[in-house]
Amino acid sequence: MSISIDPVNLVPVPPLRDSYVFHSPLPVAEQNLEEGWIMGIDEAGRGPVLGPMVYAAAYCPLSFKPTLESIGFDDSKALSAETRQTLWETFEVHSPLCYSSSTLSPQDISSSMLRKVPINLNRQAEDSTVGLIQAALNRGINVTECYVDALGPAPQWQARLTAIFPTIKFTVCPKADSLFKIVGAASIVAKVTRDRYVHGWPGDEEEVIRGSGYPSDPKTQAYLKKSIDPVFGYKGIVRFSWATIKVLLDKQGVESKWSV
């Protein structure tokens, strides 16, 4: 399936049926790839019932670190949408600062969770993280340090990443996006990418107010109740494997019987 790319924002145009990985251009100077690089990894959208989950990696040469510290990256949730957009645009200004994003579509997330042998959300997140690191190495980037926002028990996850990539020094901890600027940069990429899908997903006029996508959000709850089709369920923005959706389908859906 072909994917349309927004030529300005360099992300796939919604709606997104299939998951997608994107890499920003690398610096032209070959010596930049040979020196040590730092990487930060963060995500957006693990908990919501709407939209994709996005894992992002930001990375730059160690020599760029002083400049990185001055840019203003931070936990994306603590910043306004306008500030996040401004920080996103700094990736174009500072060519040594690169990023990759792994966007898991709602359909792929749910299909994996409902397989005969399920792939839970934690495993999908782990695979995305490992995939982003491996992709950077495959591009010839000499990643020597990697900072990761904690996924579950930090010591176990750090040990596992170290076993997979023994040449990289890992730091895995909670709130890494606030502690390390490179993770804050990844947080911006993940959040901006996800928000563009949630807010840009096509829909009928009366359905465009979807809220944050979290099941506890009253606007999201109203959207889910209003947009359900009793026979066909929901459009592609909805993660149909979530317990919230099962409850609504049980209440408002038409019982179907399948003949074999």
C-alpha atoms as a PDB file:
ATOM      1  CA  MET A   1       0.000   0.000   0.000  1.00  0.00           C
ATOM      2  CA  SER A   2       1.424   3.403  -0.985  1.00  0.00           C
ATOM      3  CA  ILE A   3       1.644   6.112   1.663  1.00  0.00           C
ATOM      4  CA  SER A   4       1.180   9.797   0.886  1.00  0.00           C
ATOM      5  CA  ILE A   5       3.795  12.040   2.487  1.00  0.00           C
ATOM      6  CA  ASP A   6       3.134  15.626   3.494  1.00  0.00           C
ATOM      7  CA  PRO A   7       5.983  17.482   1.704  1.00  0.00           C
ATOM      8  CA  VAL A   8       6.109  20.174   4.403  1.00  0.00           C
ATOM      9  CA  ASN A   9       5.868  18.166   7.615  1.00  0.00           C
ATOM     10  CA  LEU A  10       7.510  15.013   6.219  1.00  0.00           C
ATOM     11  CA  VAL A  11       5.012  12.671   7.872  1.00  0.00           C
ATOM     12  CA  PRO A  12       2.412  10.372   6.293  1.00  0.00           C
ATOM     13  CA  VAL A  13      -0.930  12.000   5.576  1.00  0.00           C
ATOM     14  CA  PRO A  14      -3.815  10.653   7.692  1.00  0.00           C
ATOM     15  CA  PRO A  15      -5.714   8.411   7.763  1.00  0.00           C
ATOM     16  CA  LEU A  16      -3.034   5.824   8.474  1.00  0.00           C
ATOM     17  CA  ARG A  17      -3.970   2.201   7.895  1.00  0.00           C
ATOM     18  CA  ASP A  18      -0.471   0.738   8.016  1.00  0.00           C
ATOM     19  CA  SER A  19       2.330   1.466  10.448  1.00  0.00           C
ATOM     20  CA  TYR A  20       5.187   3.551   9.141  1.00  0.00           C
ATOM     21  CA  VAL A  21       8.821   4.393   9.921  1.00  0.00           C
ATOM     22  CA  PHE A  22      10.376   7.696   8.868  1.00  0.00           C
ATOM     23  CA  HIS A  23      13.993   8.907   9.028  1.00  0.00           C
ATOM     24  CA  SER A  24      15.076  12.520   8.660  1.00  0.00           C
ATOM     25  CA  PRO A  25      18.089  13.246   6.423  1.00  0.00           C
ATOM     26  CA  LEU A  26      21.565  12.733   7.852  1.00  0.00           C
ATOM     27  CA  PRO A  27      24.302  15.394   7.870  1.00  0.00           C
ATOM     28  CA  VAL A  28      26.215  15.556   4.623  1.00  0.00           C
ATOM     29  CA  ALA A  29      29.642  15.537   6.297  1.00  0.00           C
ATOM     30  CA  GLU A  30      30.767  11.919   6.554  1.00  0.00           C
ATOM     31  CA  GLN A  31      32.964  12.595   9.579  1.00  0.00           C
ATOM     32  CA  ASN A  32      29.832  13.467  11.564  1.00  0.00           C
ATOM     33  CA  LEU A  33      28.719   9.848  11.303  1.00  0.00           C
ATOM     34  CA  GLU A  34      32.045   8.495  12.543  1.00  0.00           C
ATOM     35  CA  GLU A  35      32.191  10.408  15.821  1.00  0.00           C
ATOM     36  CA  GLY A  36      30.156   9.302  18.812  1.00  0.00           C
ATOM     37  CA  TRP A  37      26.443  10.117  18.787  1.00  0.00           C
ATOM     38  CA  ILE A  38      23.884  10.423  21.565  1.00  0.00           C
ATOM     39  CA  MET A  39      20.323   9.207  21.125  1.00  0.00           C
ATOM     40  CA  GLY A  40      17.114   9.758  23.065  1.00  0.00           C
ATOM     41  CA  ILE A  41      13.917   7.725  22.751  1.00  0.00           C
ATOM     42  CA  ASP A  42      10.396   8.576  23.894  1.00  0.00           C
ATOM     43  CA  GLU A  43       6.810   7.830  22.924  1.00  0.00           C
ATOM     44  CA  ALA A  44       3.397   9.422  22.639  1.00  0.00           C
ATOM     45  CA  GLY A  45       0.047   7.670  22.707  1.00  0.00           C
ATOM     46  CA  ARG A  46       0.397   4.462  24.700  1.00  0.00           C
ATOM     47  CA  GLY A  47      -2.839   4.891  26.631  1.00  0.00           C
ATOM     48  CA  PRO A  48      -5.324   6.569  24.259  1.00  0.00           C
ATOM     49  CA  VAL A  49      -8.145   4.701  22.563  1.00  0.00           C
ATOM     50  CA  LEU A  50      -7.804   6.935  19.493  1.00  0.00           C
ATOM     51  CA  GLY A  51      -4.991   7.345  17.032  1.00  0.00           C
ATOM     52  CA  PRO A  52      -1.527   5.866  16.627  1.00  0.00           C
ATOM     53  CA  MET A  53       1.223   5.226  19.116  1.00  0.00           C
ATOM     54  CA  VAL A  54       4.406   6.976  18.051  1.00  0.00           C
ATOM     55  CA  TYR A  55       7.913   6.080  19.156  1.00  0.00           C
ATOM     56  CA  ALA A  56      10.611   8.557  18.243  1.00  0.00           C
ATOM     57  CA  ALA A  57      14.383   8.694  18.437  1.00  0.00           C
ATOM     58  CA  ALA A  58      16.340  11.944  18.319  1.00  0.00           C
ATOM     59  CA  TYR A  59      20.098  11.758  17.803  1.00  0.00           C
ATOM     60  CA  CYS A  60      23.055  14.017  17.207  1.00  0.00           C
ATOM     61  CA  PRO A  61      26.876  14.002  17.382  1.00  0.00           C
ATOM     62  CA  LEU A  62      28.348  14.429  20.853  1.00  0.00           C
ATOM     63  CA  SER A  63      29.985  17.640  19.624  1.00  0.00           C
ATOM     64  CA  PHE A  64      26.491  19.115  19.110  1.00  0.00           C
ATOM     65  CA  LYS A  65      25.488  18.543  22.739  1.00  0.00           C
ATOM     66  CA  PRO A  66      26.276  22.102  23.969  1.00  0.00           C
ATOM     67  CA  THR A  67      23.983  23.529  21.278  1.00  0.00           C
ATOM     68  CA  LEU A  68      21.328  20.934  22.079  1.00  0.00           C
ATOM     69  CA  GLU A  69      21.303  22.020  25.719  1.00  0.00           C
ATOM     70  CA  SER A  70      20.446  25.583  24.695  1.00  0.00           C
ATOM     71  CA  ILE A  71      17.518  24.849  22.370  1.00  0.00           C
ATOM     72  CA  GLY A  72      14.835  24.312  25.011  1.00  0.00           C
ATOM     73  CA  PHE A  73      13.668  20.739  24.513  1.00  0.00           C
ATOM     74  CA  ASP A  74      11.636  19.297  27.381  1.00  0.00           C
ATOM     75  CA  ASP A  75       8.818  16.900  28.188  1.00  0.00           C
ATOM     76  CA  SER A  76       6.336  17.656  25.385  1.00  0.00           C
ATOM     77  CA  LYS A  77       3.378  17.336  27.759  1.00  0.00           C
ATOM     78  CA  ALA A  78       4.673  20.328  29.727  1.00  0.00           C
ATOM     79  CA  LEU A  79       4.790  22.561  26.639  1.00  0.00           C
ATOM     80  CA  SER A  80       2.100  24.324  24.634  1.00  0.00           C
ATOM     81  CA  ALA A  81       1.217  23.175  21.122  1.00  0.00           C
ATOM     82  CA  GLU A  82       2.785  26.358  19.731  1.00  0.00           C
ATOM     83  CA  THR A  83       6.056  25.744  21.571  1.00  0.00           C
ATOM     84  CA  ARG A  84       6.129  22.115  20.437  1.00  0.00           C
ATOM     85  CA  GLN A  85       5.695  23.219  16.822  1.00  0.00           C
ATOM     86  CA  THR A  86       8.511  25.757  17.143  1.00  0.00           C
ATOM     87  CA  LEU A  87      10.816  23.128  18.617  1.00  0.00           C
ATOM     88  CA  TRP A  88       9.837  20.678  15.866  1.00  0.00           C
ATOM     89  CA  GLU A  89      11.024  23.202  13.294  1.00  0.00           C
ATOM     90  CA  THR A  90      14.474  23.380  14.908  1.00  0.00           C
ATOM     91  CA  PHE A  91      15.244  19.993  13.376  1.00  0.00           C
ATOM     92  CA  GLU A  92      15.340  21.749   9.998  1.00  0.00           C
ATOM     93  CA  VAL A  93      17.563  24.552  11.323  1.00  0.00           C
ATOM     94  CA  HIS A  94      20.120  22.338  13.071  1.00  0.00           C
ATOM     95  CA  SER A  95      21.215  19.750  10.494  1.00  0.00           C
ATOM     96  CA  PRO A  96      23.313  17.633  12.915  1.00  0.00           C
ATOM     97  CA  LEU A  97      20.123  17.015  14.930  1.00  0.00           C
ATOM     98  CA  CYS A  98      18.255  14.105  13.343  1.00  0.00           C
ATOM     99  CA  TYR A  99      15.272  11.960  14.196  1.00  0.00           C
ATOM    100  CA  SER A 100      13.425   8.777  13.327  1.00  0.00           C
ATOM    101  CA  SER A 101       9.823   7.948  14.117  1.00  0.00           C
ATOM    102  CA  SER A 102       7.958   4.656  14.258  1.00  0.00           C
ATOM    103  CA  THR A 103       4.220   5.258  13.983  1.00  0.00           C
ATOM    104  CA  LEU A 104       2.028   2.280  14.867  1.00  0.00           C
ATOM    105  CA  SER A 105      -1.414   2.598  13.309  1.00  0.00           C
ATOM    106  CA  PRO A 106      -4.527   1.972  15.439  1.00  0.00           C
ATOM    107  CA  GLN A 107      -5.397  -1.003  13.255  1.00  0.00           C
ATOM    108  CA  ASP A 108      -1.975  -2.620  13.583  1.00  0.00           C
ATOM    109  CA  ILE A 109      -1.922  -2.053  17.351  1.00  0.00           C
ATOM    110  CA  SER A 110      -5.294  -3.729  17.833  1.00  0.00           C
ATOM    111  CA  SER A 111      -4.748  -6.509  15.302  1.00  0.00           C
ATOM    112  CA  SER A 112      -1.528  -7.477  17.068  1.00  0.00           C
ATOM    113  CA  MET A 113      -3.229  -7.488  20.468  1.00  0.00           C
ATOM    114  CA  LEU A 114      -6.072  -9.698  19.211  1.00  0.00           C
ATOM    115  CA  ARG A 115      -3.981 -12.279  17.361  1.00  0.00           C
ATOM    116  CA  LYS A 116      -4.235 -15.928  18.299  1.00  0.00           C
ATOM    117  CA  VAL A 117      -0.843 -15.439  19.933  1.00  0.00           C
ATOM    118  CA  PRO A 118      -1.250 -11.827  21.141  1.00  0.00           C
ATOM    119  CA  ILE A 119       1.473  -9.214  20.945  1.00  0.00           C
ATOM    120  CA  ASN A 120       0.721  -6.900  23.847  1.00  0.00           C
ATOM    121  CA  LEU A 121       1.352  -3.169  23.860  1.00  0.00           C
ATOM    122  CA  ASN A 122       4.560  -3.473  25.882  1.00  0.00           C
ATOM    123  CA  ARG A 123       6.034  -5.894  23.367  1.00  0.00           C
ATOM    124  CA  GLN A 124       5.049  -3.626  20.483  1.00  0.00           C
ATOM    125  CA  ALA A 125       6.706  -0.713  22.282  1.00  0.00           C
ATOM    126  CA  GLU A 126       9.862  -2.734  22.909  1.00  0.00           C
ATOM    127  CA  ASP A 127      10.045  -3.801  19.269  1.00  0.00           C
ATOM    128  CA  SER A 128       9.674  -0.172  18.151  1.00  0.00           C
ATOM    129  CA  THR A 129      12.472   0.948  20.471  1.00  0.00           C
ATOM    130  CA  VAL A 130      14.861  -1.777  19.330  1.00  0.00           C
ATOM    131  CA  GLY A 131      13.926  -1.111  15.709  1.00  0.00           C
ATOM    132  CA  LEU A 132      14.742   2.594  15.960  1.00  0.00           C
ATOM    133  CA  ILE A 133      18.157   1.923  17.493  1.00  0.00           C
ATOM    134  CA  GLN A 134      18.997  -0.752  14.937  1.00  0.00           C
ATOM    135  CA  ALA A 135      17.894   1.500  12.078  1.00  0.00           C
ATOM    136  CA  ALA A 136      20.272   4.240  13.230  1.00  0.00           C
ATOM    137  CA  LEU A 137      23.152   1.770  13.386  1.00  0.00           C
ATOM    138  CA  ASN A 138      22.236   0.480   9.934  1.00  0.00           C
ATOM    139  CA  ARG A 139      22.491   4.044   8.619  1.00  0.00           C
ATOM    140  CA  GLY A 140      26.111   4.133   9.760  1.00  0.00           C
ATOM    141  CA  ILE A 141      25.558   6.253  12.871  1.00  0.00           C
ATOM    142  CA  ASN A 142      27.995   5.522  15.693  1.00  0.00           C
ATOM    143  CA  VAL A 143      25.563   5.600  18.626  1.00  0.00           C
ATOM    144  CA  THR A 144      27.591   5.482  21.842  1.00  0.00           C
ATOM    145  CA  GLU A 145      25.030   6.738  24.384  1.00  0.00           C
ATOM    146  CA  CYS A 146      21.274   6.184  24.445  1.00  0.00           C
ATOM    147  CA  TYR A 147      18.766   7.638  26.904  1.00  0.00           C
ATOM    148  CA  VAL A 148      15.325   6.040  27.070  1.00  0.00           C
ATOM    149  CA  ASP A 149      12.185   7.072  28.904  1.00  0.00           C
ATOM    150  CA  ALA A 150      11.366   4.108  31.147  1.00  0.00           C
ATOM    151  CA  LEU A 151       9.122   1.356  29.823  1.00  0.00           C
ATOM    152  CA  GLY A 152       8.046  -0.666  32.853  1.00  0.00           C
ATOM    153  CA  PRO A 153      10.814  -1.605  35.326  1.00  0.00           C
ATOM    154  CA  ALA A 154      13.770   0.525  34.221  1.00  0.00           C
ATOM    155  CA  PRO A 155      16.643  -1.766  35.375  1.00  0.00           C
ATOM    156  CA  GLN A 156      15.296  -4.793  33.502  1.00  0.00           C
ATOM    157  CA  TRP A 157      14.667  -2.831  30.316  1.00  0.00           C
ATOM    158  CA  GLN A 158      18.111  -1.222  30.486  1.00  0.00           C
ATOM    159  CA  ALA A 159      19.726  -4.645  30.948  1.00  0.00           C
ATOM    160  CA  ARG A 160      17.840  -6.045  27.980  1.00  0.00           C
ATOM    161  CA  LEU A 161      18.826  -3.163  25.699  1.00  0.00           C
ATOM    162  CA  THR A 162      22.450  -3.501  26.810  1.00  0.00           C
ATOM    163  CA  ALA A 163      22.370  -7.207  25.970  1.00  0.00           C
ATOM    164  CA  ILE A 164      21.034  -6.448  22.479  1.00  0.00           C
ATOM    165  CA  PHE A 165      23.392  -3.520  21.822  1.00  0.00           C
ATOM    166  CA  PRO A 166      26.503  -4.110  23.987  1.00  0.00           C
ATOM    167  CA  THR A 167      28.517  -1.267  22.421  1.00  0.00           C
ATOM    168  CA  ILE A 168      26.002   1.386  23.528  1.00  0.00           C
ATOM    169  CA  LYS A 169      25.840   2.857  27.027  1.00  0.00           C
ATOM    170  CA  PHE A 170      22.164   2.984  28.042  1.00  0.00           C
ATOM    171  CA  THR A 171      20.401   5.103  30.629  1.00  0.00           C
ATOM    172  CA  VAL A 172      16.766   4.104  31.162  1.00  0.00           C
ATOM    173  CA  CYS A 173      14.773   6.020  33.748  1.00  0.00           C
ATOM    174  CA  PRO A 174      11.382   7.632  34.429  1.00  0.00           C
ATOM    175  CA  LYS A 175      10.886  11.214  33.232  1.00  0.00           C
ATOM    176  CA  ALA A 176      13.923  11.004  30.983  1.00  0.00           C
ATOM    177  CA  ASP A 177      12.241  13.546  28.703  1.00  0.00           C
ATOM    178  CA  SER A 178      12.610  16.128  31.478  1.00  0.00           C
ATOM    179  CA  LEU A 179      16.101  15.056  32.538  1.00  0.00           C
ATOM    180  CA  PHE A 180      17.858  14.749  29.173  1.00  0.00           C
ATOM    181  CA  LYS A 181      17.457  17.223  26.311  1.00  0.00           C
ATOM    182  CA  ILE A 182      17.944  14.550  23.662  1.00  0.00           C
ATOM    183  CA  VAL A 183      14.960  12.615  25.065  1.00  0.00           C
ATOM    184  CA  GLY A 184      12.998  15.867  25.234  1.00  0.00           C
ATOM    185  CA  ALA A 185      13.715  16.272  21.518  1.00  0.00           C
ATOM    186  CA  ALA A 186      12.375  12.773  20.856  1.00  0.00           C
ATOM    187  CA  SER A 187       9.331  13.604  22.965  1.00  0.00           C
ATOM    188  CA  ILE A 188       8.575  16.584  20.706  1.00  0.00           C
ATOM    189  CA  VAL A 189       8.787  14.446  17.563  1.00  0.00           C
ATOM    190  CA  ALA A 190       6.515  11.767  19.010  1.00  0.00           C
ATOM    191  CA  LYS A 191       3.909  14.198  20.334  1.00  0.00           C
ATOM    192  CA  VAL A 192       3.723  16.444  17.262  1.00  0.00           C
ATOM    193  CA  THR A 193       3.509  13.433  14.947  1.00  0.00           C
ATOM    194  CA  ARG A 194       0.716  11.824  16.953  1.00  0.00           C
ATOM    195  CA  ASP A 195      -1.260  15.059  17.329  1.00  0.00           C
ATOM    196  CA  ARG A 196      -1.235  15.623  13.587  1.00  0.00           C
ATOM    197  CA  TYR A 197      -2.884  12.260  13.095  1.00  0.00           C
ATOM    198  CA  VAL A 198      -5.481  12.659  15.824  1.00  0.00           C
ATOM    199  CA  HIS A 199      -6.495  16.169  14.760  1.00  0.00           C
ATOM    200  CA  GLY A 200      -6.059  15.627  11.020  1.00  0.00           C
ATOM    201  CA  TRP A 201      -7.857  12.297  10.692  1.00  0.00           C
ATOM    202  CA  PRO A 202     -10.734  12.658   8.199  1.00  0.00           C
ATOM    203  CA  GLY A 203     -14.248  12.409   9.612  1.00  0.00           C
ATOM    204  CA  ASP A 204     -17.763  13.674   9.266  1.00  0.00           C
ATOM    205  CA  GLU A 205     -18.220  17.261  10.374  1.00  0.00           C
ATOM    206  CA  GLU A 206     -20.082  16.347  13.530  1.00  0.00           C
ATOM    207  CA  GLU A 207     -17.327  13.918  14.551  1.00  0.00           C
ATOM    208  CA  VAL A 208     -14.278  16.145  14.394  1.00  0.00           C
ATOM    209  CA  ILE A 209     -14.222  16.957  18.130  1.00  0.00           C
ATOM    210  CA  ARG A 210     -12.465  13.871  19.455  1.00  0.00           C
ATOM    211  CA  GLY A 211     -10.696  15.262  22.504  1.00  0.00           C
ATOM    212  CA  SER A 212      -7.306  13.975  23.591  1.00  0.00           C
ATOM    213  CA  GLY A 213      -8.071  10.367  22.703  1.00  0.00           C
ATOM    214  CA  TYR A 214      -7.813   9.120  26.282  1.00  0.00           C
ATOM    215  CA  PRO A 215     -10.791   7.024  27.502  1.00  0.00           C
ATOM    216  CA  SER A 216     -11.206   9.313  30.535  1.00  0.00           C
ATOM    217  CA  ASP A 217     -11.613  12.460  28.398  1.00  0.00           C
ATOM    218  CA  PRO A 218     -15.328  13.503  28.273  1.00  0.00           C
ATOM    219  CA  LYS A 219     -14.910  14.763  24.690  1.00  0.00           C
ATOM    220  CA  THR A 220     -13.433  11.441  23.634  1.00  0.00           C
ATOM    221  CA  GLN A 221     -16.223   9.565  25.427  1.00  0.00           C
ATOM    222  CA  ALA A 222     -18.827  11.685  23.621  1.00  0.00           C
ATOM    223  CA  TYR A 223     -17.141  11.054  20.278  1.00  0.00           C
ATOM    224  CA  LEU A 224     -17.053   7.294  20.827  1.00  0.00           C
ATOM    225  CA  LYS A 225     -20.729   7.141  21.796  1.00  0.00           C
ATOM    226  CA  LYS A 226     -21.791   9.283  18.854  1.00  0.00           C
ATOM    227  CA  SER A 227     -19.637   7.785  16.113  1.00  0.00           C
ATOM    228  CA  ILE A 228     -20.297   4.080  16.665  1.00  0.00           C
ATOM    229  CA  ASP A 229     -21.971   2.146  13.868  1.00  0.00           C
ATOM    230  CA  PRO A 230     -24.081  -0.639  15.420  1.00  0.00           C
ATOM    231  CA  VAL A 231     -23.087  -3.061  12.638  1.00  0.00           C
ATOM    232  CA  PHE A 232     -19.603  -2.034  11.493  1.00  0.00           C
ATOM    233  CA  GLY A 233     -18.271  -0.541  14.719  1.00  0.00           C
ATOM    234  CA  TYR A 234     -15.768   2.282  14.334  1.00  0.00           C
ATOM    235  CA  LYS A 235     -13.591   4.024  11.802  1.00  0.00           C
ATOM    236  CA  GLY A 236      -9.868   3.392  11.569  1.00  0.00           C
ATOM    237  CA  ILE A 237      -8.813   5.972  14.143  1.00  0.00           C
ATOM    238  CA  VAL A 238     -10.229   3.821  16.961  1.00  0.00           C
ATOM    239  CA  ARG A 239      -8.210   1.056  18.649  1.00  0.00           C
ATOM    240  CA  PHE A 240     -10.843  -1.659  18.631  1.00  0.00           C
ATOM    241  CA  SER A 241      -8.923  -3.881  21.059  1.00  0.00           C
ATOM    242  CA  TRP A 242      -9.391  -1.444  23.970  1.00  0.00           C
ATOM    243  CA  ALA A 243     -11.745  -2.514  26.772  1.00  0.00           C
ATOM    244  CA  THR A 244     -13.605   0.798  26.393  1.00  0.00           C
ATOM    245  CA  ILE A 245     -14.597  -0.165  22.854  1.00  0.00           C
ATOM    246  CA  LYS A 246     -15.680  -3.665  23.811  1.00  0.00           C
ATOM    247  CA  VAL A 247     -18.041  -2.215  26.442  1.00  0.00           C
ATOM    248  CA  LEU A 248     -19.568   0.236  23.955  1.00  0.00           C
ATOM    249  CA  LEU A 249     -19.981  -2.416  21.261  1.00  0.00           C
ATOM    250  CA  ASP A 250     -21.650  -4.749  23.748  1.00  0.00           C
ATOM    251  CA  LYS A 251     -24.088  -1.984  24.694  1.00  0.00           C
ATOM    252  CA  GLN A 252     -24.783  -0.353  21.328  1.00  0.00           C
ATOM    253  CA  GLY A 253     -23.747  -2.895  18.726  1.00  0.00           C
ATOM    254  CA  VAL A 254     -25.947  -5.378  16.908  1.00  0.00           C
ATOM    255  CA  GLU A 255     -25.287  -9.007  17.767  1.00  0.00           C
ATOM    256  CA  SER A 256     -23.873 -10.851  14.784  1.00  0.00           C
ATOM    257  CA  LYS A 257     -23.965 -14.561  14.104  1.00  0.00           C
ATOM    258  CA  TRP A 258     -21.525 -16.110  11.676  1.00  0.00           C
ATOM    259  CA  SER A 259     -22.267 -19.348   9.854  1.00  0.00           C
ATOM    260  CA  VAL A 260     -19.327 -21.624   9.223  1.00  0.00           C
END
